[in-house]
N, C-alpha and C. Protein backbone atom coordinates (compact mmCIF):
# COMPACT_ATOMS: atom_id res chain seq x y z
N UNK A 1 12.60 -72.42 -24.18
CA UNK A 1 12.40 -70.91 -23.12
C UNK A 1 13.19 -71.54 -22.20
N UNK A 2 14.63 -70.43 -21.90
CA UNK A 2 14.82 -70.70 -20.37
C UNK A 2 14.54 -69.53 -19.78
N UNK A 3 14.16 -69.57 -18.38
CA UNK A 3 13.81 -68.78 -17.54
C UNK A 3 15.32 -68.42 -16.71
N UNK A 4 15.14 -67.13 -15.91
CA UNK A 4 15.77 -66.60 -15.31
C UNK A 4 15.45 -66.96 -13.50
N UNK A 5 16.47 -67.28 -13.20
CA UNK A 5 16.40 -67.49 -11.49
C UNK A 5 16.55 -65.96 -11.34
N UNK A 6 16.03 -65.99 -9.66
CA UNK A 6 16.05 -64.66 -9.14
C UNK A 6 17.50 -64.02 -8.98
N UNK A 7 18.48 -65.03 -8.96
CA UNK A 7 19.94 -64.26 -9.37
C UNK A 7 20.36 -64.21 -10.52
N UNK A 8 19.48 -64.34 -11.30
CA UNK A 8 19.64 -63.71 -12.85
C UNK A 8 20.53 -65.16 -13.43
N UNK A 9 20.43 -66.34 -13.07
CA UNK A 9 21.35 -67.29 -14.00
C UNK A 9 19.97 -67.61 -14.31
N UNK A 10 20.32 -68.07 -15.93
CA UNK A 10 19.06 -69.51 -16.63
C UNK A 10 19.13 -70.55 -16.16
N UNK A 11 18.04 -70.74 -16.12
CA UNK A 11 17.85 -72.07 -15.59
C UNK A 11 16.77 -72.89 -17.16
N UNK A 12 17.28 -73.65 -17.28
CA UNK A 12 16.61 -74.64 -18.51
C UNK A 12 15.42 -75.10 -18.13
N UNK A 13 14.57 -75.40 -19.20
CA UNK A 13 12.99 -75.66 -19.10
C UNK A 13 13.05 -77.15 -18.16
N UNK A 14 13.40 -77.92 -18.61
CA UNK A 14 13.51 -78.94 -18.05
C UNK A 14 13.24 -78.84 -16.09
N UNK A 15 14.77 -77.97 -15.64
CA UNK A 15 14.71 -77.83 -14.57
C UNK A 15 13.46 -77.04 -14.06
N UNK A 16 13.15 -75.77 -14.76
CA UNK A 16 12.34 -75.08 -14.15
C UNK A 16 10.48 -75.90 -14.18
N UNK A 17 10.48 -77.04 -15.09
CA UNK A 17 9.68 -78.38 -14.88
C UNK A 17 9.78 -78.85 -13.37
N UNK A 18 10.88 -79.45 -13.40
CA UNK A 18 10.60 -80.14 -12.12
C UNK A 18 10.87 -79.70 -10.96
N UNK A 19 11.06 -78.26 -10.70
CA UNK A 19 10.79 -77.24 -9.42
C UNK A 19 9.28 -76.93 -9.71
N UNK A 20 8.37 -76.94 -10.60
CA UNK A 20 7.64 -76.39 -10.76
C UNK A 20 6.31 -77.92 -9.98
N UNK A 21 6.66 -79.06 -10.31
CA UNK A 21 6.08 -80.21 -10.13
C UNK A 21 6.14 -80.24 -8.56
N UNK A 22 7.30 -79.62 -7.92
CA UNK A 22 7.45 -79.65 -6.50
C UNK A 22 6.68 -79.12 -5.84
N UNK A 23 6.20 -77.59 -6.58
CA UNK A 23 5.19 -76.80 -5.70
C UNK A 23 3.66 -77.04 -6.09
N UNK A 24 2.88 -77.12 -4.45
CA UNK A 24 1.43 -77.52 -4.97
C UNK A 24 1.02 -77.07 -5.75
N UNK A 25 0.07 -77.08 -6.69
CA UNK A 25 -0.86 -76.47 -7.72
C UNK A 25 -1.55 -75.20 -7.30
N UNK A 26 -2.03 -74.65 -6.05
CA UNK A 26 -2.61 -73.76 -5.53
C UNK A 26 -1.83 -72.64 -5.30
N UNK A 27 -0.39 -73.04 -4.89
CA UNK A 27 0.70 -71.91 -4.90
C UNK A 27 0.99 -71.55 -6.23
N UNK A 28 1.06 -72.27 -7.45
CA UNK A 28 1.52 -72.17 -8.95
C UNK A 28 0.26 -70.88 -9.45
N UNK A 29 -1.20 -71.35 -9.00
CA UNK A 29 -2.04 -70.52 -9.69
C UNK A 29 -1.91 -69.53 -8.69
N UNK A 30 -1.62 -69.15 -7.68
CA UNK A 30 -1.87 -67.73 -7.10
C UNK A 30 -0.48 -67.06 -7.94
N UNK A 31 0.75 -67.60 -8.01
CA UNK A 31 1.64 -66.86 -8.46
C UNK A 31 1.14 -66.24 -9.85
N UNK A 32 0.54 -67.15 -10.50
CA UNK A 32 -0.17 -66.67 -11.89
C UNK A 32 -1.15 -65.67 -12.00
N UNK A 33 -1.67 -65.84 -10.88
CA UNK A 33 -2.56 -64.52 -10.42
C UNK A 33 -2.15 -63.47 -10.10
N UNK A 34 -1.14 -63.55 -8.96
CA UNK A 34 -0.56 -62.38 -8.98
C UNK A 34 0.43 -61.25 -9.67
N UNK A 35 0.92 -62.47 -10.91
CA UNK A 35 1.78 -61.57 -12.42
C UNK A 35 0.43 -61.48 -13.13
N UNK A 36 -0.77 -61.82 -12.88
CA UNK A 36 -1.48 -61.01 -14.16
C UNK A 36 -2.01 -59.81 -13.66
N UNK A 37 -2.49 -59.61 -11.97
CA UNK A 37 -2.96 -58.55 -11.21
C UNK A 37 -1.80 -57.58 -11.46
N UNK A 38 -0.33 -57.85 -11.30
CA UNK A 38 0.62 -56.86 -11.48
C UNK A 38 0.46 -56.11 -12.57
N UNK A 39 0.54 -57.33 -13.75
CA UNK A 39 0.20 -56.40 -15.15
C UNK A 39 -1.21 -55.56 -15.28
N UNK A 40 -2.04 -55.60 -14.60
CA UNK A 40 -3.22 -55.48 -14.88
C UNK A 40 -3.23 -53.86 -14.15
N UNK A 41 -2.35 -54.16 -12.86
CA UNK A 41 -1.99 -52.74 -12.17
C UNK A 41 -1.44 -51.63 -13.08
N UNK A 42 -0.23 -52.04 -13.64
CA UNK A 42 0.64 -51.54 -14.35
C UNK A 42 -0.23 -50.63 -15.39
N UNK A 43 -1.14 -51.39 -16.36
CA UNK A 43 -1.86 -51.20 -17.21
C UNK A 43 -3.00 -50.08 -16.51
N UNK A 44 -3.16 -49.91 -15.57
CA UNK A 44 -3.86 -48.91 -15.10
C UNK A 44 -3.27 -47.14 -14.66
N UNK A 45 -2.04 -47.42 -14.72
CA UNK A 45 -1.33 -46.19 -14.16
C UNK A 45 -1.19 -45.20 -15.64
N UNK A 46 -1.23 -44.35 -15.34
CA UNK A 46 -1.95 -43.26 -14.18
C UNK A 46 -3.26 -43.40 -13.90
N UNK A 47 -3.30 -43.07 -12.60
CA UNK A 47 -5.14 -43.07 -12.50
C UNK A 47 -5.44 -41.75 -13.13
N UNK A 48 -6.28 -42.03 -13.94
CA UNK A 48 -7.04 -41.09 -15.00
C UNK A 48 -8.31 -40.75 -14.85
N UNK A 49 -9.22 -41.85 -14.00
CA UNK A 49 -10.62 -41.59 -14.15
C UNK A 49 -11.03 -42.41 -12.29
N UNK A 50 -12.12 -42.28 -11.97
CA UNK A 50 -13.00 -43.17 -11.30
C UNK A 50 -13.11 -44.44 -11.60
N UNK A 51 -12.94 -44.68 -12.20
CA UNK A 51 -13.29 -46.15 -13.06
C UNK A 51 -11.85 -46.56 -13.22
N UNK A 52 -10.76 -46.16 -13.55
CA UNK A 52 -9.41 -46.63 -13.64
C UNK A 52 -8.99 -46.72 -12.07
N UNK A 53 -9.62 -45.78 -11.48
CA UNK A 53 -9.03 -45.98 -9.65
C UNK A 53 -9.55 -47.16 -8.80
N UNK A 54 -11.22 -47.50 -9.60
CA UNK A 54 -11.73 -48.74 -8.81
C UNK A 54 -10.95 -49.76 -9.32
N UNK A 55 -10.71 -49.80 -10.73
CA UNK A 55 -9.99 -51.21 -11.38
C UNK A 55 -8.82 -50.99 -10.60
N UNK A 56 -8.05 -50.30 -10.44
CA UNK A 56 -6.62 -50.31 -9.91
C UNK A 56 -6.84 -50.92 -8.14
N UNK A 57 -7.66 -50.15 -7.22
CA UNK A 57 -8.01 -51.06 -6.18
C UNK A 57 -8.34 -52.24 -6.29
N UNK A 58 -9.65 -52.70 -7.09
CA UNK A 58 -9.58 -54.46 -7.34
C UNK A 58 -8.33 -55.27 -7.46
N UNK A 59 -7.94 -54.59 -8.72
CA UNK A 59 -6.59 -55.55 -8.96
C UNK A 59 -5.53 -55.41 -7.53
N UNK A 60 -5.29 -54.04 -6.86
CA UNK A 60 -4.46 -54.41 -5.97
C UNK A 60 -4.99 -55.05 -4.38
N UNK A 61 -6.46 -55.54 -4.63
CA UNK A 61 -7.05 -56.53 -3.34
C UNK A 61 -6.55 -57.66 -4.11
N UNK A 62 -6.50 -58.12 -5.20
CA UNK A 62 -6.54 -59.43 -5.87
C UNK A 62 -5.23 -59.83 -5.49
N UNK A 63 -4.44 -59.00 -6.16
CA UNK A 63 -2.64 -58.97 -5.62
C UNK A 63 -2.55 -59.45 -4.31
N UNK A 64 -2.94 -58.76 -3.38
CA UNK A 64 -2.78 -58.93 -2.12
C UNK A 64 -3.30 -60.09 -1.42
N UNK A 65 -4.42 -60.69 -2.24
CA UNK A 65 -4.77 -61.75 -1.73
C UNK A 65 -3.76 -63.06 -2.11
N UNK A 66 -3.43 -63.13 -3.46
CA UNK A 66 -2.63 -63.94 -4.29
C UNK A 66 -1.12 -64.48 -3.34
N UNK A 67 -0.79 -62.71 -2.77
CA UNK A 67 0.38 -62.75 -2.54
C UNK A 67 0.44 -63.32 -0.83
N UNK A 68 -0.80 -63.39 -0.65
CA UNK A 68 -1.02 -63.56 0.84
C UNK A 68 -0.80 -65.26 1.00
N UNK A 69 -1.67 -65.96 -0.05
CA UNK A 69 -1.26 -67.38 -0.46
C UNK A 69 0.51 -67.60 -0.48
N UNK A 70 1.11 -67.02 -1.58
CA UNK A 70 2.40 -67.12 -1.72
C UNK A 70 3.30 -67.25 -0.30
N UNK A 71 3.02 -66.16 0.59
CA UNK A 71 3.54 -66.15 1.32
C UNK A 71 3.35 -67.34 2.23
N UNK A 72 2.36 -67.39 2.27
CA UNK A 72 1.95 -68.71 3.65
C UNK A 72 3.10 -69.63 3.04
N UNK A 73 3.24 -69.90 1.58
CA UNK A 73 3.99 -70.86 1.44
C UNK A 73 5.21 -70.99 1.48
N UNK A 74 5.76 -69.63 0.72
CA UNK A 74 7.25 -69.52 0.90
C UNK A 74 7.27 -68.17 0.68
N UNK A 75 7.76 -66.79 1.63
CA UNK A 75 7.38 -65.33 1.51
C UNK A 75 8.16 -65.12 0.25
N UNK A 76 9.51 -65.59 0.13
CA UNK A 76 10.16 -65.40 -1.38
C UNK A 76 9.52 -65.28 -2.04
N UNK A 77 8.35 -66.00 -2.25
CA UNK A 77 7.34 -65.99 -3.64
C UNK A 77 6.67 -64.72 -3.65
N UNK A 78 6.57 -63.85 -2.78
CA UNK A 78 5.68 -62.64 -3.05
C UNK A 78 6.06 -61.48 -4.38
N UNK A 79 5.25 -61.71 -5.15
CA UNK A 79 5.04 -60.86 -6.28
C UNK A 79 5.13 -59.49 -5.76
N UNK A 80 6.02 -58.58 -5.93
CA UNK A 80 6.03 -57.15 -6.06
C UNK A 80 6.62 -56.57 -7.29
N UNK A 81 6.54 -55.26 -7.42
CA UNK A 81 6.57 -54.72 -8.60
C UNK A 81 7.94 -54.74 -9.38
N UNK A 82 8.96 -54.98 -8.58
CA UNK A 82 10.41 -55.26 -8.80
C UNK A 82 10.37 -56.61 -8.87
N UNK A 83 10.04 -57.59 -8.72
CA UNK A 83 10.26 -58.92 -8.83
C UNK A 83 9.83 -60.06 -10.45
N UNK A 84 8.63 -59.30 -10.56
CA UNK A 84 7.79 -59.53 -12.12
C UNK A 84 7.35 -58.68 -12.96
N UNK A 85 7.04 -59.01 -13.99
CA UNK A 85 6.55 -57.58 -14.90
C UNK A 85 5.62 -58.51 -16.21
C-alpha cells in the first residue's frame, strides 16, 4: 500500500515505515486516536438527538486532546476535517 504525502505525492511503504520509526510512539498513538475521533465526529452528523450531541462533544474533546499532543510535537501534524478522513 502506498500512502499519499501532504503534497499528494505517493510515498512507498518502506519510506513511510522509516518515517514512522523516527516519530515517538506517543505521537503516533495520538495521530491514530485523532483520526479515529474525526471519523466518530463525521459519523455523528447531523446531530439528531441529545445522545448524539453528547457523543459528538465527547469525541470533539478527545480529538482536541490528541491534537494538543500532535501540535506539541509538530504543529503540521494536527488532524483537521480537511487533512484526514
